[in-house]
Amino acid sequence: MQDSPGDLLKRKGLRSTTQRRAILAALQGHPHSTASELEARIGLAQSATGGRLSRQGLYNVLDDLTRARLIRCIEPAGSPARYELRVGDNHHHLVCRGCGLIEDVDCGVGAAPCLDPVEDKGFVIDEAEITWWGLCASCRRKAATES
């Protein structure tokens, strides 16, 4: 059973505001959402209640939830920032160069940081963010039929 948005906020010691709950609810079942996608999803839900979340308010809440590690922000090259609820499990991403599809990939090692740099330059490394790029099955099929 998945925790409710209010439970997630409470566990992190954050106030359970309507805006925070709306963003967490909008991410459930929609990993790798952009701010625009979340805004559209929340706007549809709020039209029924009469509430409204401004764009600046949306970004403020996304920043708050990211800093609290309730959500994760990923920024694949050439793509807007994307948000997901899957945090703290050291997973990585596959990104399709054709359609932009993003898929989660579990870490093969299991423990962060997964990879160690040749030189740490005095840093204490606690995480490695890995993104693999390629073509998804659908884009490969499309490319094969076009050639």
C-alpha atoms as a PDB file:
ATOM      1  CA  MET A   1       0.000   0.000   0.000  1.00  0.00           C
ATOM      2  CA  GLN A   2       1.325   3.410  -0.991  1.00  0.00           C
ATOM      3  CA  ASP A   3       1.572   6.172   1.609  1.00  0.00           C
ATOM      4  CA  SER A   4      -0.769   9.118   1.165  1.00  0.00           C
ATOM      5  CA  PRO A   5       0.772  12.490   0.269  1.00  0.00           C
ATOM      6  CA  GLY A   6      -0.144  13.745   3.744  1.00  0.00           C
ATOM      7  CA  ASP A   7       1.667  10.803   5.371  1.00  0.00           C
ATOM      8  CA  LEU A   8       4.792  11.405   3.278  1.00  0.00           C
ATOM      9  CA  LEU A   9       4.872  15.073   4.288  1.00  0.00           C
ATOM     10  CA  LYS A  10       4.291  14.272   7.949  1.00  0.00           C
ATOM     11  CA  ARG A  11       7.134  11.736   7.965  1.00  0.00           C
ATOM     12  CA  LYS A  12       9.522  14.439   6.700  1.00  0.00           C
ATOM     13  CA  GLY A  13       8.258  16.997   9.208  1.00  0.00           C
ATOM     14  CA  LEU A  14       6.726  19.243   6.529  1.00  0.00           C
ATOM     15  CA  ARG A  15       3.392  21.017   6.745  1.00  0.00           C
ATOM     16  CA  SER A  16       0.740  19.178   4.794  1.00  0.00           C
ATOM     17  CA  THR A  17      -0.433  21.978   2.521  1.00  0.00           C
ATOM     18  CA  THR A  18      -2.932  21.571  -0.299  1.00  0.00           C
ATOM     19  CA  GLN A  19      -0.248  22.476  -2.846  1.00  0.00           C
ATOM     20  CA  ARG A  20       2.285  19.935  -1.553  1.00  0.00           C
ATOM     21  CA  ARG A  21      -0.327  17.178  -1.421  1.00  0.00           C
ATOM     22  CA  ALA A  22      -1.493  18.061  -4.946  1.00  0.00           C
ATOM     23  CA  ILE A  23       2.015  17.766  -6.399  1.00  0.00           C
ATOM     24  CA  LEU A  24       2.735  14.487  -4.628  1.00  0.00           C
ATOM     25  CA  ALA A  25      -0.617  13.096  -5.793  1.00  0.00           C
ATOM     26  CA  ALA A  26       0.054  14.289  -9.365  1.00  0.00           C
ATOM     27  CA  LEU A  27       3.362  12.383  -9.385  1.00  0.00           C
ATOM     28  CA  GLN A  28       1.791   9.105  -8.265  1.00  0.00           C
ATOM     29  CA  GLY A  29       1.701   6.865 -11.314  1.00  0.00           C
ATOM     30  CA  HIS A  30       3.429   9.511 -13.453  1.00  0.00           C
ATOM     31  CA  PRO A  31       7.200   9.233 -12.932  1.00  0.00           C
ATOM     32  CA  HIS A  32       9.533  11.604 -14.781  1.00  0.00           C
ATOM     33  CA  SER A  33       6.906  14.370 -15.052  1.00  0.00           C
ATOM     34  CA  THR A  34       7.912  17.867 -16.102  1.00  0.00           C
ATOM     35  CA  ALA A  35       6.692  20.927 -14.204  1.00  0.00           C
ATOM     36  CA  SER A  36       4.365  21.707 -17.130  1.00  0.00           C
ATOM     37  CA  GLU A  37       2.863  18.222 -17.009  1.00  0.00           C
ATOM     38  CA  LEU A  38       2.350  18.534 -13.259  1.00  0.00           C
ATOM     39  CA  GLU A  39       0.804  21.986 -13.706  1.00  0.00           C
ATOM     40  CA  ALA A  40      -1.693  20.567 -16.230  1.00  0.00           C
ATOM     41  CA  ARG A  41      -2.516  17.569 -14.035  1.00  0.00           C
ATOM     42  CA  ILE A  42      -2.953  19.726 -10.936  1.00  0.00           C
ATOM     43  CA  GLY A  43      -4.947  22.341 -12.858  1.00  0.00           C
ATOM     44  CA  LEU A  44      -7.465  19.698 -13.904  1.00  0.00           C
ATOM     45  CA  ALA A  45      -7.816  18.472 -10.329  1.00  0.00           C
ATOM     46  CA  GLN A  46      -8.065  21.987  -8.892  1.00  0.00           C
ATOM     47  CA  SER A  47     -10.689  23.148 -11.378  1.00  0.00           C
ATOM     48  CA  ALA A  48     -13.149  20.936  -9.495  1.00  0.00           C
ATOM     49  CA  THR A  49     -12.231  22.464  -6.116  1.00  0.00           C
ATOM     50  CA  GLY A  50     -11.784  26.069  -7.225  1.00  0.00           C
ATOM     51  CA  GLY A  51      -8.193  26.240  -5.928  1.00  0.00           C
ATOM     52  CA  ARG A  52      -5.222  27.382  -7.976  1.00  0.00           C
ATOM     53  CA  LEU A  53      -1.469  26.936  -7.769  1.00  0.00           C
ATOM     54  CA  SER A  54       0.605  29.630  -9.474  1.00  0.00           C
ATOM     55  CA  ARG A  55       3.573  28.646 -11.622  1.00  0.00           C
ATOM     56  CA  GLN A  56       5.970  30.219  -9.104  1.00  0.00           C
ATOM     57  CA  GLY A  57       4.164  28.371  -6.308  1.00  0.00           C
ATOM     58  CA  LEU A  58       4.573  25.129  -8.253  1.00  0.00           C
ATOM     59  CA  TYR A  59       8.332  25.641  -8.589  1.00  0.00           C
ATOM     60  CA  ASN A  60       8.638  26.629  -4.917  1.00  0.00           C
ATOM     61  CA  VAL A  61       6.863  23.442  -3.830  1.00  0.00           C
ATOM     62  CA  LEU A  62       8.928  21.295  -6.229  1.00  0.00           C
ATOM     63  CA  ASP A  63      12.080  22.821  -4.722  1.00  0.00           C
ATOM     64  CA  ASP A  64      10.832  22.224  -1.151  1.00  0.00           C
ATOM     65  CA  LEU A  65       9.921  18.594  -1.888  1.00  0.00           C
ATOM     66  CA  THR A  66      13.244  17.971  -3.657  1.00  0.00           C
ATOM     67  CA  ARG A  67      15.271  19.445  -0.768  1.00  0.00           C
ATOM     68  CA  ALA A  68      13.284  17.282   1.681  1.00  0.00           C
ATOM     69  CA  ARG A  69      14.091  14.261  -0.528  1.00  0.00           C
ATOM     70  CA  LEU A  70      10.424  13.423  -0.995  1.00  0.00           C
ATOM     71  CA  ILE A  71      10.871  13.721  -4.755  1.00  0.00           C
ATOM     72  CA  ARG A  72      13.874  13.523  -7.050  1.00  0.00           C
ATOM     73  CA  CYS A  73      14.704  15.918  -9.851  1.00  0.00           C
ATOM     74  CA  ILE A  74      16.521  14.545 -12.878  1.00  0.00           C
ATOM     75  CA  GLU A  75      17.750  16.680 -15.766  1.00  0.00           C
ATOM     76  CA  PRO A  76      18.558  14.635 -18.878  1.00  0.00           C
ATOM     77  CA  ALA A  77      20.501  16.688 -21.432  1.00  0.00           C
ATOM     78  CA  GLY A  78      18.193  18.507 -23.834  1.00  0.00           C
ATOM     79  CA  SER A  79      15.132  17.907 -21.658  1.00  0.00           C
ATOM     80  CA  PRO A  80      13.356  20.003 -19.053  1.00  0.00           C
ATOM     81  CA  ALA A  81      13.794  18.984 -15.429  1.00  0.00           C
ATOM     82  CA  ARG A  82      11.690  15.965 -14.524  1.00  0.00           C
ATOM     83  CA  TYR A  83      10.393  14.856 -11.156  1.00  0.00           C
ATOM     84  CA  GLU A  84       9.732  11.460  -9.640  1.00  0.00           C
ATOM     85  CA  LEU A  85       8.670   9.960  -6.338  1.00  0.00           C
ATOM     86  CA  ARG A  86      11.266   7.182  -6.457  1.00  0.00           C
ATOM     87  CA  VAL A  87      13.994   8.452  -4.112  1.00  0.00           C
ATOM     88  CA  GLY A  88      16.733   6.983  -1.974  1.00  0.00           C
ATOM     89  CA  ASP A  89      17.102   3.668  -3.808  1.00  0.00           C
ATOM     90  CA  ASN A  90      20.130   4.468  -5.990  1.00  0.00           C
ATOM     91  CA  HIS A  91      18.421   3.828  -9.332  1.00  0.00           C
ATOM     92  CA  HIS A  92      19.441   5.179 -12.734  1.00  0.00           C
ATOM     93  CA  HIS A  93      17.745   6.019 -16.045  1.00  0.00           C
ATOM     94  CA  LEU A  94      17.507   4.978 -19.690  1.00  0.00           C
ATOM     95  CA  VAL A  95      16.533   7.793 -22.085  1.00  0.00           C
ATOM     96  CA  CYS A  96      15.354   7.279 -25.663  1.00  0.00           C
ATOM     97  CA  ARG A  97      16.999   9.656 -28.141  1.00  0.00           C
ATOM     98  CA  GLY A  98      13.991   9.302 -30.445  1.00  0.00           C
ATOM     99  CA  CYS A  99      10.883   9.915 -28.358  1.00  0.00           C
ATOM    100  CA  GLY A 100      12.350  10.993 -25.000  1.00  0.00           C
ATOM    101  CA  LEU A 101      10.909   8.029 -23.064  1.00  0.00           C
ATOM    102  CA  ILE A 102      12.603   7.642 -19.680  1.00  0.00           C
ATOM    103  CA  GLU A 103      12.745   4.324 -17.872  1.00  0.00           C
ATOM    104  CA  ASP A 104      14.101   3.523 -14.416  1.00  0.00           C
ATOM    105  CA  VAL A 105      16.947   1.026 -14.109  1.00  0.00           C
ATOM    106  CA  ASP A 106      17.899  -0.515 -10.789  1.00  0.00           C
ATOM    107  CA  CYS A 107      21.539  -0.153  -9.778  1.00  0.00           C
ATOM    108  CA  GLY A 108      23.522  -3.310 -10.577  1.00  0.00           C
ATOM    109  CA  VAL A 109      25.775  -2.824  -7.554  1.00  0.00           C
ATOM    110  CA  GLY A 110      23.035  -1.921  -5.094  1.00  0.00           C
ATOM    111  CA  ALA A 111      24.976   0.511  -2.931  1.00  0.00           C
ATOM    112  CA  ALA A 112      25.721   4.150  -3.720  1.00  0.00           C
ATOM    113  CA  PRO A 113      27.702   5.524  -5.404  1.00  0.00           C
ATOM    114  CA  CYS A 114      27.747   2.548  -7.874  1.00  0.00           C
ATOM    115  CA  LEU A 115      30.859   3.905  -9.582  1.00  0.00           C
ATOM    116  CA  ASP A 116      34.006   5.440  -8.201  1.00  0.00           C
ATOM    117  CA  PRO A 117      35.878   8.188 -10.077  1.00  0.00           C
ATOM    118  CA  VAL A 118      39.517   7.638 -10.992  1.00  0.00           C
ATOM    119  CA  GLU A 119      40.334  10.588  -8.702  1.00  0.00           C
ATOM    120  CA  ASP A 120      38.069  11.870  -5.933  1.00  0.00           C
ATOM    121  CA  LYS A 121      39.851  15.283  -5.764  1.00  0.00           C
ATOM    122  CA  GLY A 122      39.189  15.385  -2.015  1.00  0.00           C
ATOM    123  CA  PHE A 123      35.437  14.821  -2.314  1.00  0.00           C
ATOM    124  CA  VAL A 124      33.564  12.287  -0.221  1.00  0.00           C
ATOM    125  CA  ILE A 125      31.458  10.633  -2.948  1.00  0.00           C
ATOM    126  CA  ASP A 126      27.954   9.558  -1.893  1.00  0.00           C
ATOM    127  CA  GLU A 127      26.105   9.256  -5.205  1.00  0.00           C
ATOM    128  CA  ALA A 128      26.631   8.686  -8.920  1.00  0.00           C
ATOM    129  CA  GLU A 129      23.874   9.630 -11.351  1.00  0.00           C
ATOM    130  CA  ILE A 130      23.978   7.461 -14.447  1.00  0.00           C
ATOM    131  CA  THR A 131      21.964   8.023 -17.618  1.00  0.00           C
ATOM    132  CA  TRP A 132      22.134   5.638 -20.534  1.00  0.00           C
ATOM    133  CA  TRP A 133      21.037   6.936 -23.950  1.00  0.00           C
ATOM    134  CA  GLY A 134      19.736   4.915 -26.889  1.00  0.00           C
ATOM    135  CA  LEU A 135      16.589   4.046 -28.832  1.00  0.00           C
ATOM    136  CA  CYS A 136      13.605   2.349 -27.221  1.00  0.00           C
ATOM    137  CA  ALA A 137      12.010  -0.688 -28.882  1.00  0.00           C
ATOM    138  CA  SER A 138       9.231   1.413 -30.423  1.00  0.00           C
ATOM    139  CA  CYS A 139      11.644   3.921 -31.997  1.00  0.00           C
ATOM    140  CA  ARG A 140      13.857   1.085 -33.279  1.00  0.00           C
ATOM    141  CA  ARG A 141      10.820  -0.524 -34.950  1.00  0.00           C
ATOM    142  CA  LYS A 142       9.802   2.842 -36.435  1.00  0.00           C
ATOM    143  CA  ALA A 143      13.337   3.429 -37.759  1.00  0.00           C
ATOM    144  CA  ALA A 144      13.421  -0.068 -39.277  1.00  0.00           C
ATOM    145  CA  THR A 145      10.131   0.435 -41.142  1.00  0.00           C
ATOM    146  CA  GLU A 146      11.248   3.834 -42.461  1.00  0.00           C
ATOM    147  CA  SER A 147      14.484   2.448 -43.949  1.00  0.00           C
END
